[in-house]
Amino acid sequence: MIIVMKAGAAKKDRDLVLKRIRELGYKPHVIHGETRDVIGAIGDERGKAVLQSLESLHGVENVVPILQPYKLASKEVKKEPSLVRISDNVVIGGRQLVVMAGPCSVESEKQIIDSAVAVKKGGAQVLRGGAFKPRTSPYSFQGLEEDGLKLLAKARELTGLPFVTEVINPETAELVASYADILQIGARNSQNFALLKKVGQLGKPVLLKRGMSMTIQEFLMSAEYIMSEGNQSVILCERGIRTFETATRNTLDLSAIPVLKEKTHLPVMIDPSHGTGNHHYVAPMCYASVAAGADGLIIEVHPDPEHASSDGPQSLKPAKFDIMMEKLKLFAEAAGKTLI
């Protein structure tokens, strides 16, 4: 259920509603709108009739049942798009088209510093790089772990770029959060519910990637796990799903953009690198993603992809990234976005 407060309702009225929700055994979540607050009451749906009595409280406009299984992520709760603030200059979900770029894995100090300088020069607003790497093979490069986080922090200090990096288990989540600006949940962990709950408690923006065989509803239910723990700063990321097609690494589901925009207020990003697995296809999918309404892109860029520890074939070289970013401005403008 959602409790819609009247426009201009006093704080004491809202606090009384919050208190009553807790007394009824539900967990309240306040969502601040442009003109009024909405309070989600999350818990056993069998008690909806009891929650309906909250309409009698002062400052409450009405109480509305949420039909979707995902509650806090639904547009039934919040009509206007959510904005996720990463830094003073980076906000995801508004008119700004946000590009995150960098290598798949942090390999060395020189590699990540060179990458950060290159993607900033090209126009990226966020640096990406993996310190902990969940890999299909146990024999593949698994990442530099905390040493990688320290190198990402050094790159941030030198360039001013905030960075996003992956969290792979609840045990290391707090460590990663102590360094990172954005916590990434990868496709393989998109239904690791213990991890989703943990990052929901850490108070950092979360980039949630869609699982390889995940439906849109399952994707939004994973976002709900994070939001139900109190973290409303969730960014959805379509990164390709597994189909019968073998010409590309995955099948990039661009139709997910308008579908998600219809169903949720959360911002939507696209990962064309994992979506295609081939650097030749990355730029066209970037343009198409922006034209379809994406709020941002996360792109793999490496100064020497031929010798990359992971995902070299899908990584752009800095020169190609620069060319792509210049052309991307035209698509951003046509879609009503700005690329700074």
C-alpha atoms as a PDB file:
ATOM      1  CA  MET A   1       0.000   0.000   0.000  1.00  0.00           C
ATOM      2  CA  ILE A   2       1.049   3.600  -0.467  1.00  0.00           C
ATOM      3  CA  ILE A   3      -0.073   6.476   1.696  1.00  0.00           C
ATOM      4  CA  VAL A   4      -0.253   9.724  -0.265  1.00  0.00           C
ATOM      5  CA  MET A   5       0.236  12.771   1.928  1.00  0.00           C
ATOM      6  CA  LYS A   6      -1.499  16.047   1.143  1.00  0.00           C
ATOM      7  CA  ALA A   7       0.549  18.749  -0.544  1.00  0.00           C
ATOM      8  CA  GLY A   8       2.209  20.803   2.195  1.00  0.00           C
ATOM      9  CA  ALA A   9       1.414  18.304   4.951  1.00  0.00           C
ATOM     10  CA  ALA A  10       3.273  19.102   8.167  1.00  0.00           C
ATOM     11  CA  LYS A  11       6.202  16.982   9.346  1.00  0.00           C
ATOM     12  CA  LYS A  12       4.307  16.047  12.511  1.00  0.00           C
ATOM     13  CA  ASP A  13       1.496  14.610  10.372  1.00  0.00           C
ATOM     14  CA  ARG A  14       3.964  12.516   8.393  1.00  0.00           C
ATOM     15  CA  ASP A  15       5.703  11.339  11.573  1.00  0.00           C
ATOM     16  CA  LEU A  16       2.376  10.217  13.019  1.00  0.00           C
ATOM     17  CA  VAL A  17       1.660   8.199   9.870  1.00  0.00           C
ATOM     18  CA  LEU A  18       5.116   6.593  10.081  1.00  0.00           C
ATOM     19  CA  LYS A  19       4.533   5.700  13.718  1.00  0.00           C
ATOM     20  CA  ARG A  20       1.142   4.167  12.982  1.00  0.00           C
ATOM     21  CA  ILE A  21       2.540   2.108  10.066  1.00  0.00           C
ATOM     22  CA  ARG A  22       5.161   0.620  12.375  1.00  0.00           C
ATOM     23  CA  GLU A  23       2.571  -0.102  15.049  1.00  0.00           C
ATOM     24  CA  LEU A  24       0.594  -2.084  12.473  1.00  0.00           C
ATOM     25  CA  GLY A  25       3.664  -4.242  11.793  1.00  0.00           C
ATOM     26  CA  TYR A  26       4.703  -2.709   8.476  1.00  0.00           C
ATOM     27  CA  LYS A  27       7.931  -1.122   7.303  1.00  0.00           C
ATOM     28  CA  PRO A  28       7.534   2.480   6.076  1.00  0.00           C
ATOM     29  CA  HIS A  29       9.554   4.006   3.226  1.00  0.00           C
ATOM     30  CA  VAL A  30       9.254   7.727   2.556  1.00  0.00           C
ATOM     31  CA  ILE A  31       9.542   8.830  -1.073  1.00  0.00           C
ATOM     32  CA  HIS A  32       9.869  12.585  -1.513  1.00  0.00           C
ATOM     33  CA  GLY A  33       8.011  13.958  -4.530  1.00  0.00           C
ATOM     34  CA  GLU A  34       8.064  17.407  -6.069  1.00  0.00           C
ATOM     35  CA  THR A  35       4.868  18.551  -4.344  1.00  0.00           C
ATOM     36  CA  ARG A  36       4.105  15.895  -1.728  1.00  0.00           C
ATOM     37  CA  ASP A  37       5.509  12.876   0.063  1.00  0.00           C
ATOM     38  CA  VAL A  38       4.399   9.321  -0.539  1.00  0.00           C
ATOM     39  CA  ILE A  39       4.925   6.626   2.082  1.00  0.00           C
ATOM     40  CA  GLY A  40       5.173   2.987   1.101  1.00  0.00           C
ATOM     41  CA  ALA A  41       3.989   0.486   3.715  1.00  0.00           C
ATOM     42  CA  ILE A  42       5.759  -2.812   3.040  1.00  0.00           C
ATOM     43  CA  GLY A  43       4.768  -6.079   4.681  1.00  0.00           C
ATOM     44  CA  ASP A  44       2.166  -8.836   4.724  1.00  0.00           C
ATOM     45  CA  GLU A  45      -0.410  -7.987   2.050  1.00  0.00           C
ATOM     46  CA  ARG A  46      -3.165  -9.680   4.045  1.00  0.00           C
ATOM     47  CA  GLY A  47      -3.368  -6.587   6.244  1.00  0.00           C
ATOM     48  CA  LYS A  48      -4.365  -4.137   3.500  1.00  0.00           C
ATOM     49  CA  ALA A  49      -7.745  -3.444   5.098  1.00  0.00           C
ATOM     50  CA  VAL A  50      -6.053  -2.327   8.318  1.00  0.00           C
ATOM     51  CA  LEU A  51      -3.794   0.060   6.422  1.00  0.00           C
ATOM     52  CA  GLN A  52      -6.822   1.606   4.739  1.00  0.00           C
ATOM     53  CA  SER A  53      -7.749   3.105   8.140  1.00  0.00           C
ATOM     54  CA  LEU A  54      -4.785   5.488   7.797  1.00  0.00           C
ATOM     55  CA  GLU A  55      -6.946   7.636   5.515  1.00  0.00           C
ATOM     56  CA  SER A  56      -8.520   9.092   8.656  1.00  0.00           C
ATOM     57  CA  LEU A  57      -5.224  10.583   9.869  1.00  0.00           C
ATOM     58  CA  HIS A  58      -4.607  14.290   9.488  1.00  0.00           C
ATOM     59  CA  GLY A  59      -2.492  15.179   6.445  1.00  0.00           C
ATOM     60  CA  VAL A  60      -3.288  11.970   4.538  1.00  0.00           C
ATOM     61  CA  GLU A  61      -4.895  12.444   1.133  1.00  0.00           C
ATOM     62  CA  ASN A  62      -5.575   8.775   0.352  1.00  0.00           C
ATOM     63  CA  VAL A  63      -4.341   5.206   0.712  1.00  0.00           C
ATOM     64  CA  VAL A  64      -3.809   3.287  -2.513  1.00  0.00           C
ATOM     65  CA  PRO A  65      -3.058  -0.425  -3.017  1.00  0.00           C
ATOM     66  CA  ILE A  66      -0.071  -1.217  -5.264  1.00  0.00           C
ATOM     67  CA  LEU A  67      -1.006  -3.790  -7.878  1.00  0.00           C
ATOM     68  CA  GLN A  68       2.523  -4.685  -9.000  1.00  0.00           C
ATOM     69  CA  PRO A  69       4.537  -7.260  -7.005  1.00  0.00           C
ATOM     70  CA  TYR A  70       7.406  -4.750  -6.920  1.00  0.00           C
ATOM     71  CA  LYS A  71       6.206  -1.910  -4.724  1.00  0.00           C
ATOM     72  CA  LEU A  72       8.861   0.752  -4.168  1.00  0.00           C
ATOM     73  CA  ALA A  73      10.208   0.461  -7.724  1.00  0.00           C
ATOM     74  CA  SER A  74       6.768   0.879  -9.280  1.00  0.00           C
ATOM     75  CA  LYS A  75       5.462   4.006 -10.954  1.00  0.00           C
ATOM     76  CA  GLU A  76       2.357   3.520  -8.858  1.00  0.00           C
ATOM     77  CA  VAL A  77       4.440   4.804  -5.945  1.00  0.00           C
ATOM     78  CA  LYS A  78       6.315   7.582  -7.763  1.00  0.00           C
ATOM     79  CA  LYS A  79       5.171   9.032 -11.067  1.00  0.00           C
ATOM     80  CA  GLU A  80       8.115  11.299 -11.818  1.00  0.00           C
ATOM     81  CA  PRO A  81      11.547   9.845 -12.707  1.00  0.00           C
ATOM     82  CA  SER A  82      13.952   9.310  -9.835  1.00  0.00           C
ATOM     83  CA  LEU A  83      17.270  11.117  -9.877  1.00  0.00           C
ATOM     84  CA  VAL A  84      20.322   9.339  -8.468  1.00  0.00           C
ATOM     85  CA  ARG A  85      23.030  11.784  -7.419  1.00  0.00           C
ATOM     86  CA  ILE A  86      26.574  10.441  -7.690  1.00  0.00           C
ATOM     87  CA  SER A  87      28.473  13.688  -7.112  1.00  0.00           C
ATOM     88  CA  ASP A  88      27.924  17.433  -7.361  1.00  0.00           C
ATOM     89  CA  ASN A  89      28.251  17.209 -11.156  1.00  0.00           C
ATOM     90  CA  VAL A  90      26.808  13.776 -11.921  1.00  0.00           C
ATOM     91  CA  VAL A  91      23.096  12.999 -11.624  1.00  0.00           C
ATOM     92  CA  ILE A  92      21.559   9.954 -13.321  1.00  0.00           C
ATOM     93  CA  GLY A  93      17.936  10.004 -14.448  1.00  0.00           C
ATOM     94  CA  GLY A  94      17.473  13.598 -15.537  1.00  0.00           C
ATOM     95  CA  ARG A  95      18.445  15.496 -18.681  1.00  0.00           C
ATOM     96  CA  GLN A  96      22.113  14.617 -18.275  1.00  0.00           C
ATOM     97  CA  LEU A  97      23.296  11.595 -20.278  1.00  0.00           C
ATOM     98  CA  VAL A  98      25.835   9.885 -18.027  1.00  0.00           C
ATOM     99  CA  VAL A  99      28.638   7.799 -19.506  1.00  0.00           C
ATOM    100  CA  MET A 100      30.656   5.427 -17.323  1.00  0.00           C
ATOM    101  CA  ALA A 101      33.793   4.122 -19.009  1.00  0.00           C
ATOM    102  CA  GLY A 102      36.990   2.256 -18.278  1.00  0.00           C
ATOM    103  CA  PRO A 103      38.502  -1.228 -18.356  1.00  0.00           C
ATOM    104  CA  CYS A 104      36.778  -4.425 -17.321  1.00  0.00           C
ATOM    105  CA  SER A 105      39.487  -5.129 -14.718  1.00  0.00           C
ATOM    106  CA  VAL A 106      42.024  -3.039 -12.839  1.00  0.00           C
ATOM    107  CA  GLU A 107      45.341  -4.615 -13.881  1.00  0.00           C
ATOM    108  CA  SER A 108      48.012  -2.144 -12.772  1.00  0.00           C
ATOM    109  CA  GLU A 109      48.448   1.436 -11.611  1.00  0.00           C
ATOM    110  CA  LYS A 110      49.570   2.614 -15.038  1.00  0.00           C
ATOM    111  CA  GLN A 111      46.701   0.859 -16.803  1.00  0.00           C
ATOM    112  CA  ILE A 112      43.936   2.307 -14.618  1.00  0.00           C
ATOM    113  CA  ILE A 113      45.463   5.806 -14.476  1.00  0.00           C
ATOM    114  CA  ASP A 114      45.938   5.884 -18.258  1.00  0.00           C
ATOM    115  CA  SER A 115      42.373   4.628 -18.699  1.00  0.00           C
ATOM    116  CA  ALA A 116      40.920   7.218 -16.327  1.00  0.00           C
ATOM    117  CA  VAL A 117      42.755  10.082 -18.037  1.00  0.00           C
ATOM    118  CA  ALA A 118      41.658   8.827 -21.453  1.00  0.00           C
ATOM    119  CA  VAL A 119      37.960   8.396 -20.666  1.00  0.00           C
ATOM    120  CA  LYS A 120      37.792  11.762 -18.913  1.00  0.00           C
ATOM    121  CA  LYS A 121      39.351  13.400 -21.969  1.00  0.00           C
ATOM    122  CA  GLY A 122      36.730  11.666 -24.110  1.00  0.00           C
ATOM    123  CA  GLY A 123      33.857  13.003 -22.002  1.00  0.00           C
ATOM    124  CA  ALA A 124      33.016  10.228 -19.530  1.00  0.00           C
ATOM    125  CA  GLN A 125      31.719  11.397 -16.156  1.00  0.00           C
ATOM    126  CA  VAL A 126      32.316   8.159 -14.214  1.00  0.00           C
ATOM    127  CA  LEU A 127      35.208   5.677 -14.252  1.00  0.00           C
ATOM    128  CA  ARG A 128      34.440   1.947 -14.315  1.00  0.00           C
ATOM    129  CA  GLY A 129      36.831  -0.821 -13.318  1.00  0.00           C
ATOM    130  CA  GLY A 130      36.636  -4.204 -11.613  1.00  0.00           C
ATOM    131  CA  ALA A 131      38.679  -4.956  -8.486  1.00  0.00           C
ATOM    132  CA  PHE A 132      36.785  -8.145  -7.615  1.00  0.00           C
ATOM    133  CA  LYS A 133      35.964 -10.189 -10.728  1.00  0.00           C
ATOM    134  CA  PRO A 134      33.534 -13.137 -10.705  1.00  0.00           C
ATOM    135  CA  ARG A 135      34.599 -15.229 -13.685  1.00  0.00           C
ATOM    136  CA  THR A 136      33.099 -18.245 -15.413  1.00  0.00           C
ATOM    137  CA  SER A 137      36.385 -20.145 -15.071  1.00  0.00           C
ATOM    138  CA  PRO A 138      38.143 -20.459 -11.689  1.00  0.00           C
ATOM    139  CA  TYR A 139      41.442 -20.195 -13.584  1.00  0.00           C
ATOM    140  CA  SER A 140      40.701 -16.771 -15.064  1.00  0.00           C
ATOM    141  CA  PHE A 141      41.982 -13.495 -13.598  1.00  0.00           C
ATOM    142  CA  GLN A 142      39.930 -12.767 -10.478  1.00  0.00           C
ATOM    143  CA  GLY A 143      40.971  -9.156  -9.885  1.00  0.00           C
ATOM    144  CA  LEU A 144      43.391  -7.293  -7.598  1.00  0.00           C
ATOM    145  CA  GLU A 145      40.771  -7.017  -4.814  1.00  0.00           C
ATOM    146  CA  GLU A 146      41.569  -4.280  -2.251  1.00  0.00           C
ATOM    147  CA  ASP A 147      44.748  -3.283  -4.079  1.00  0.00           C
ATOM    148  CA  GLY A 148      42.522  -2.653  -7.102  1.00  0.00           C
ATOM    149  CA  LEU A 149      40.178  -0.515  -5.019  1.00  0.00           C
ATOM    150  CA  LYS A 150      43.137   1.573  -3.850  1.00  0.00           C
ATOM    151  CA  LEU A 151      44.222   2.113  -7.450  1.00  0.00           C
ATOM    152  CA  LEU A 152      40.704   3.168  -8.426  1.00  0.00           C
ATOM    153  CA  ALA A 153      40.713   5.643  -5.535  1.00  0.00           C
ATOM    154  CA  LYS A 154      44.037   7.009  -6.763  1.00  0.00           C
ATOM    155  CA  ALA A 155      42.618   7.412 -10.272  1.00  0.00           C
ATOM    156  CA  ARG A 156      39.653   9.288  -8.791  1.00  0.00           C
ATOM    157  CA  GLU A 157      41.992  11.572  -6.878  1.00  0.00           C
ATOM    158  CA  LEU A 158      44.012  12.355 -10.008  1.00  0.00           C
ATOM    159  CA  THR A 159      41.084  12.881 -12.407  1.00  0.00           C
ATOM    160  CA  GLY A 160      38.134  13.831 -10.202  1.00  0.00           C
ATOM    161  CA  LEU A 161      36.047  11.010 -11.710  1.00  0.00           C
ATOM    162  CA  PRO A 162      33.840   9.058  -9.275  1.00  0.00           C
ATOM    163  CA  PHE A 163      34.056   5.319  -9.891  1.00  0.00           C
ATOM    164  CA  VAL A 164      31.784   2.291 -10.085  1.00  0.00           C
ATOM    165  CA  THR A 165      33.040  -1.180  -9.229  1.00  0.00           C
ATOM    166  CA  GLU A 166      31.487  -4.575  -8.629  1.00  0.00           C
ATOM    167  CA  VAL A 167      30.538  -6.136  -5.307  1.00  0.00           C
ATOM    168  CA  ILE A 168      30.550  -9.935  -5.464  1.00  0.00           C
ATOM    169  CA  ASN A 169      29.544 -11.070  -1.968  1.00  0.00           C
ATOM    170  CA  PRO A 170      28.114  -9.728   1.315  1.00  0.00           C
ATOM    171  CA  GLU A 171      31.404 -10.324   3.138  1.00  0.00           C
ATOM    172  CA  THR A 172      33.358  -7.776   1.079  1.00  0.00           C
ATOM    173  CA  ALA A 173      30.476  -5.336   0.455  1.00  0.00           C
ATOM    174  CA  GLU A 174      31.424  -2.932   3.241  1.00  0.00           C
ATOM    175  CA  LEU A 175      35.048  -2.899   2.120  1.00  0.00           C
ATOM    176  CA  VAL A 176      34.051  -2.028  -1.449  1.00  0.00           C
ATOM    177  CA  ALA A 177      31.584   0.606  -0.207  1.00  0.00           C
ATOM    178  CA  SER A 178      34.347   2.291   1.810  1.00  0.00           C
ATOM    179  CA  TYR A 179      36.134   3.075  -1.483  1.00  0.00           C
ATOM    180  CA  ALA A 180      33.547   3.170  -4.284  1.00  0.00           C
ATOM    181  CA  ASP A 181      31.072   5.877  -5.299  1.00  0.00           C
ATOM    182  CA  ILE A 182      28.699   3.364  -6.945  1.00  0.00           C
ATOM    183  CA  LEU A 183      28.301  -0.321  -6.098  1.00  0.00           C
ATOM    184  CA  GLN A 184      27.730  -2.590  -9.092  1.00  0.00           C
ATOM    185  CA  ILE A 185      25.770  -5.818  -8.835  1.00  0.00           C
ATOM    186  CA  GLY A 186      26.739  -7.987 -11.795  1.00  0.00           C
ATOM    187  CA  ALA A 187      24.495 -10.225 -13.865  1.00  0.00           C
ATOM    188  CA  ARG A 188      25.612 -13.359 -12.032  1.00  0.00           C
ATOM    189  CA  ASN A 189      24.620 -11.852  -8.679  1.00  0.00           C
ATOM    190  CA  SER A 190      21.375 -10.178  -9.734  1.00  0.00           C
ATOM    191  CA  GLN A 191      19.370 -12.719  -7.710  1.00  0.00           C
ATOM    192  CA  ASN A 192      21.842 -13.110  -4.869  1.00  0.00           C
ATOM    193  CA  PHE A 193      19.265 -11.869  -2.382  1.00  0.00           C
ATOM    194  CA  ALA A 194      21.634 -11.774   0.604  1.00  0.00           C
ATOM    195  CA  LEU A 195      23.949  -9.482  -1.381  1.00  0.00           C
ATOM    196  CA  LEU A 196      21.053  -7.320  -2.591  1.00  0.00           C
ATOM    197  CA  LYS A 197      19.884  -6.816   0.991  1.00  0.00           C
ATOM    198  CA  LYS A 198      23.409  -5.977   2.102  1.00  0.00           C
ATOM    199  CA  VAL A 199      23.997  -3.252  -0.493  1.00  0.00           C
ATOM    200  CA  GLY A 200      20.537  -1.922   0.350  1.00  0.00           C
ATOM    201  CA  GLN A 201      21.830  -1.211   3.847  1.00  0.00           C
ATOM    202  CA  LEU A 202      25.048   0.555   2.840  1.00  0.00           C
ATOM    203  CA  GLY A 203      23.637   3.866   1.606  1.00  0.00           C
ATOM    204  CA  LYS A 204      25.639   4.015  -1.651  1.00  0.00           C
ATOM    205  CA  PRO A 205      24.101   4.233  -5.142  1.00  0.00           C
ATOM    206  CA  VAL A 206      23.729   0.780  -6.700  1.00  0.00           C
ATOM    207  CA  LEU A 207      24.066  -0.115 -10.386  1.00  0.00           C
ATOM    208  CA  LEU A 208      22.003  -3.294 -10.758  1.00  0.00           C
ATOM    209  CA  LYS A 209      22.653  -5.337 -13.902  1.00  0.00           C
ATOM    210  CA  ARG A 210      19.988  -7.578 -15.391  1.00  0.00           C
ATOM    211  CA  GLY A 211      20.627 -11.297 -15.124  1.00  0.00           C
ATOM    212  CA  MET A 212      21.353 -13.302 -18.259  1.00  0.00           C
ATOM    213  CA  SER A 213      17.978 -15.084 -18.226  1.00  0.00           C
ATOM    214  CA  MET A 214      15.968 -12.624 -16.164  1.00  0.00           C
ATOM    215  CA  THR A 215      12.521 -11.303 -17.047  1.00  0.00           C
ATOM    216  CA  ILE A 216      11.728  -7.620 -16.583  1.00  0.00           C
ATOM    217  CA  GLN A 217       9.553  -8.429 -13.566  1.00  0.00           C
ATOM    218  CA  GLU A 218      12.311 -10.484 -11.955  1.00  0.00           C
ATOM    219  CA  PHE A 219      14.725  -7.614 -12.641  1.00  0.00           C
ATOM    220  CA  LEU A 220      12.463  -5.150 -10.853  1.00  0.00           C
ATOM    221  CA  MET A 221      11.946  -7.567  -7.978  1.00  0.00           C
ATOM    222  CA  SER A 222      15.729  -7.606  -7.487  1.00  0.00           C
ATOM    223  CA  ALA A 223      15.676  -3.810  -7.354  1.00  0.00           C
ATOM    224  CA  GLU A 224      12.900  -4.126  -4.785  1.00  0.00           C
ATOM    225  CA  TYR A 225      15.178  -6.176  -2.516  1.00  0.00           C
ATOM    226  CA  ILE A 226      17.660  -3.282  -2.440  1.00  0.00           C
ATOM    227  CA  MET A 227      15.008  -0.605  -1.991  1.00  0.00           C
ATOM    228  CA  SER A 228      13.183  -2.510   0.756  1.00  0.00           C
ATOM    229  CA  GLU A 229      16.320  -2.149   2.898  1.00  0.00           C
ATOM    230  CA  GLY A 230      16.091   1.650   2.675  1.00  0.00           C
ATOM    231  CA  ASN A 231      18.259   2.429  -0.358  1.00  0.00           C
ATOM    232  CA  GLN A 232      16.273   4.260  -3.040  1.00  0.00           C
ATOM    233  CA  SER A 233      19.350   5.088  -5.180  1.00  0.00           C
ATOM    234  CA  VAL A 234      19.094   2.189  -7.620  1.00  0.00           C
ATOM    235  CA  ILE A 235      20.141   2.379 -11.281  1.00  0.00           C
ATOM    236  CA  LEU A 236      18.955  -0.396 -13.598  1.00  0.00           C
ATOM    237  CA  CYS A 237      21.338  -1.690 -16.271  1.00  0.00           C
ATOM    238  CA  GLU A 238      20.412  -3.802 -19.282  1.00  0.00           C
ATOM    239  CA  ARG A 239      23.527  -5.738 -20.367  1.00  0.00           C
ATOM    240  CA  GLY A 240      22.190  -8.326 -22.760  1.00  0.00           C
ATOM    241  CA  ILE A 241      20.312 -11.546 -22.183  1.00  0.00           C
ATOM    242  CA  ARG A 242      21.024 -15.124 -23.224  1.00  0.00           C
ATOM    243  CA  THR A 243      19.171 -16.290 -26.350  1.00  0.00           C
ATOM    244  CA  PHE A 244      19.801 -18.818 -29.128  1.00  0.00           C
ATOM    245  CA  GLU A 245      21.866 -16.252 -31.091  1.00  0.00           C
ATOM    246  CA  THR A 246      25.638 -16.833 -31.217  1.00  0.00           C
ATOM    247  CA  ALA A 247      26.743 -13.962 -33.474  1.00  0.00           C
ATOM    248  CA  THR A 248      27.057 -11.735 -30.404  1.00  0.00           C
ATOM    249  CA  ARG A 249      28.069 -12.523 -26.839  1.00  0.00           C
ATOM    250  CA  ASN A 250      24.537 -11.762 -25.622  1.00  0.00           C
ATOM    251  CA  THR A 251      21.374 -10.312 -27.144  1.00  0.00           C
ATOM    252  CA  LEU A 252      21.119  -6.659 -26.123  1.00  0.00           C
ATOM    253  CA  ASP A 253      17.458  -6.100 -25.288  1.00  0.00           C
ATOM    254  CA  LEU A 254      16.909  -2.468 -26.248  1.00  0.00           C
ATOM    255  CA  SER A 255      13.144  -2.941 -25.883  1.00  0.00           C
ATOM    256  CA  ALA A 256      13.808  -3.165 -22.138  1.00  0.00           C
ATOM    257  CA  ILE A 257      14.346   0.600 -22.106  1.00  0.00           C
ATOM    258  CA  PRO A 258      10.787   1.723 -22.987  1.00  0.00           C
ATOM    259  CA  VAL A 259       9.306  -1.197 -21.026  1.00  0.00           C
ATOM    260  CA  LEU A 260      11.204  -0.219 -17.873  1.00  0.00           C
ATOM    261  CA  LYS A 261      10.419   3.456 -18.413  1.00  0.00           C
ATOM    262  CA  GLU A 262       6.731   2.547 -18.441  1.00  0.00           C
ATOM    263  CA  LYS A 263       6.893   0.386 -15.323  1.00  0.00           C
ATOM    264  CA  THR A 264       9.389   2.082 -13.004  1.00  0.00           C
ATOM    265  CA  HIS A 265      10.650   5.489 -11.951  1.00  0.00           C
ATOM    266  CA  LEU A 266      14.237   4.206 -11.640  1.00  0.00           C
ATOM    267  CA  PRO A 267      16.861   5.365 -14.177  1.00  0.00           C
ATOM    268  CA  VAL A 268      17.950   2.935 -16.903  1.00  0.00           C
ATOM    269  CA  MET A 269      21.461   2.454 -18.278  1.00  0.00           C
ATOM    270  CA  ILE A 270      22.759   0.223 -21.072  1.00  0.00           C
ATOM    271  CA  ASP A 271      25.962  -1.837 -21.235  1.00  0.00           C
ATOM    272  CA  PRO A 272      26.643  -2.335 -24.976  1.00  0.00           C
ATOM    273  CA  SER A 273      30.050  -3.906 -24.316  1.00  0.00           C
ATOM    274  CA  HIS A 274      28.703  -7.005 -22.572  1.00  0.00           C
ATOM    275  CA  GLY A 275      25.560  -6.800 -24.663  1.00  0.00           C
ATOM    276  CA  THR A 276      27.488  -7.472 -27.883  1.00  0.00           C
ATOM    277  CA  GLY A 277      30.911  -8.761 -26.839  1.00  0.00           C
ATOM    278  CA  ASN A 278      32.488  -7.112 -29.888  1.00  0.00           C
ATOM    279  CA  HIS A 279      34.026  -3.631 -30.006  1.00  0.00           C
ATOM    280  CA  HIS A 280      32.800  -3.171 -33.604  1.00  0.00           C
ATOM    281  CA  TYR A 281      29.172  -3.192 -32.408  1.00  0.00           C
ATOM    282  CA  VAL A 282      29.536  -1.006 -29.313  1.00  0.00           C
ATOM    283  CA  ALA A 283      29.152   2.428 -30.926  1.00  0.00           C
ATOM    284  CA  PRO A 284      25.977   1.576 -32.937  1.00  0.00           C
ATOM    285  CA  MET A 285      24.366   0.133 -29.812  1.00  0.00           C
ATOM    286  CA  CYS A 286      25.318   3.260 -27.857  1.00  0.00           C
ATOM    287  CA  TYR A 287      23.537   5.431 -30.406  1.00  0.00           C
ATOM    288  CA  ALA A 288      20.492   3.156 -30.473  1.00  0.00           C
ATOM    289  CA  SER A 289      20.321   3.026 -26.670  1.00  0.00           C
ATOM    290  CA  VAL A 290      20.236   6.799 -26.353  1.00  0.00           C
ATOM    291  CA  ALA A 291      17.646   7.068 -29.122  1.00  0.00           C
ATOM    292  CA  ALA A 292      15.488   4.550 -27.218  1.00  0.00           C
ATOM    293  CA  GLY A 293      15.587   6.681 -24.063  1.00  0.00           C
ATOM    294  CA  ALA A 294      18.473   5.368 -21.940  1.00  0.00           C
ATOM    295  CA  ASP A 295      19.698   7.603 -19.123  1.00  0.00           C
ATOM    296  CA  GLY A 296      23.294   6.518 -19.518  1.00  0.00           C
ATOM    297  CA  LEU A 297      25.854   4.042 -20.819  1.00  0.00           C
ATOM    298  CA  ILE A 298      28.571   1.920 -19.240  1.00  0.00           C
ATOM    299  CA  ILE A 299      31.313   1.172 -21.764  1.00  0.00           C
ATOM    300  CA  GLU A 300      34.537  -0.811 -21.602  1.00  0.00           C
ATOM    301  CA  VAL A 301      37.571   1.199 -22.696  1.00  0.00           C
ATOM    302  CA  HIS A 302      41.144  -0.103 -22.468  1.00  0.00           C
ATOM    303  CA  PRO A 303      44.423   1.498 -23.639  1.00  0.00           C
ATOM    304  CA  ASP A 304      45.762  -1.899 -24.792  1.00  0.00           C
ATOM    305  CA  PRO A 305      42.810  -4.281 -25.282  1.00  0.00           C
ATOM    306  CA  GLU A 306      44.934  -6.864 -27.129  1.00  0.00           C
ATOM    307  CA  HIS A 307      46.690  -7.586 -23.821  1.00  0.00           C
ATOM    308  CA  ALA A 308      43.741  -7.039 -21.446  1.00  0.00           C
ATOM    309  CA  SER A 309      43.293  -9.540 -18.607  1.00  0.00           C
ATOM    310  CA  SER A 310      39.580  -9.747 -19.371  1.00  0.00           C
ATOM    311  CA  ASP A 311      37.082  -8.685 -22.055  1.00  0.00           C
ATOM    312  CA  GLY A 312      39.643  -7.271 -24.491  1.00  0.00           C
ATOM    313  CA  PRO A 313      37.578  -8.089 -27.633  1.00  0.00           C
ATOM    314  CA  GLN A 314      34.682  -5.895 -26.487  1.00  0.00           C
ATOM    315  CA  SER A 315      36.782  -2.945 -25.264  1.00  0.00           C
ATOM    316  CA  LEU A 316      37.168   0.265 -27.230  1.00  0.00           C
ATOM    317  CA  LYS A 317      40.539   1.904 -27.616  1.00  0.00           C
ATOM    318  CA  PRO A 318      40.604   5.530 -26.344  1.00  0.00           C
ATOM    319  CA  ALA A 319      40.763   6.989 -29.877  1.00  0.00           C
ATOM    320  CA  LYS A 320      37.617   5.098 -30.940  1.00  0.00           C
ATOM    321  CA  PHE A 321      35.933   6.085 -27.692  1.00  0.00           C
ATOM    322  CA  ASP A 322      36.626   9.756 -28.466  1.00  0.00           C
ATOM    323  CA  ILE A 323      35.076   9.439 -31.930  1.00  0.00           C
ATOM    324  CA  MET A 324      32.039   7.627 -30.567  1.00  0.00           C
ATOM    325  CA  MET A 325      31.483  10.232 -27.820  1.00  0.00           C
ATOM    326  CA  GLU A 326      31.616  13.088 -30.312  1.00  0.00           C
ATOM    327  CA  LYS A 327      28.926  11.488 -32.475  1.00  0.00           C
ATOM    328  CA  LEU A 328      26.912  10.503 -29.404  1.00  0.00           C
ATOM    329  CA  LYS A 329      26.252  14.191 -28.684  1.00  0.00           C
ATOM    330  CA  LEU A 330      23.975  14.345 -31.729  1.00  0.00           C
ATOM    331  CA  PHE A 331      21.894  11.400 -30.533  1.00  0.00           C
ATOM    332  CA  ALA A 332      21.734  12.824 -27.020  1.00  0.00           C
ATOM    333  CA  GLU A 333      20.468  16.149 -28.329  1.00  0.00           C
ATOM    334  CA  ALA A 334      17.819  14.430 -30.463  1.00  0.00           C
ATOM    335  CA  ALA A 335      16.652  12.457 -27.388  1.00  0.00           C
ATOM    336  CA  GLY A 336      16.413  15.586 -25.234  1.00  0.00           C
ATOM    337  CA  LYS A 337      19.556  14.771 -23.250  1.00  0.00           C
ATOM    338  CA  THR A 338      22.769  16.691 -22.723  1.00  0.00           C
ATOM    339  CA  LEU A 339      26.225  15.119 -22.873  1.00  0.00           C
ATOM    340  CA  ILE A 340      28.658  17.337 -21.036  1.00  0.00           C
END
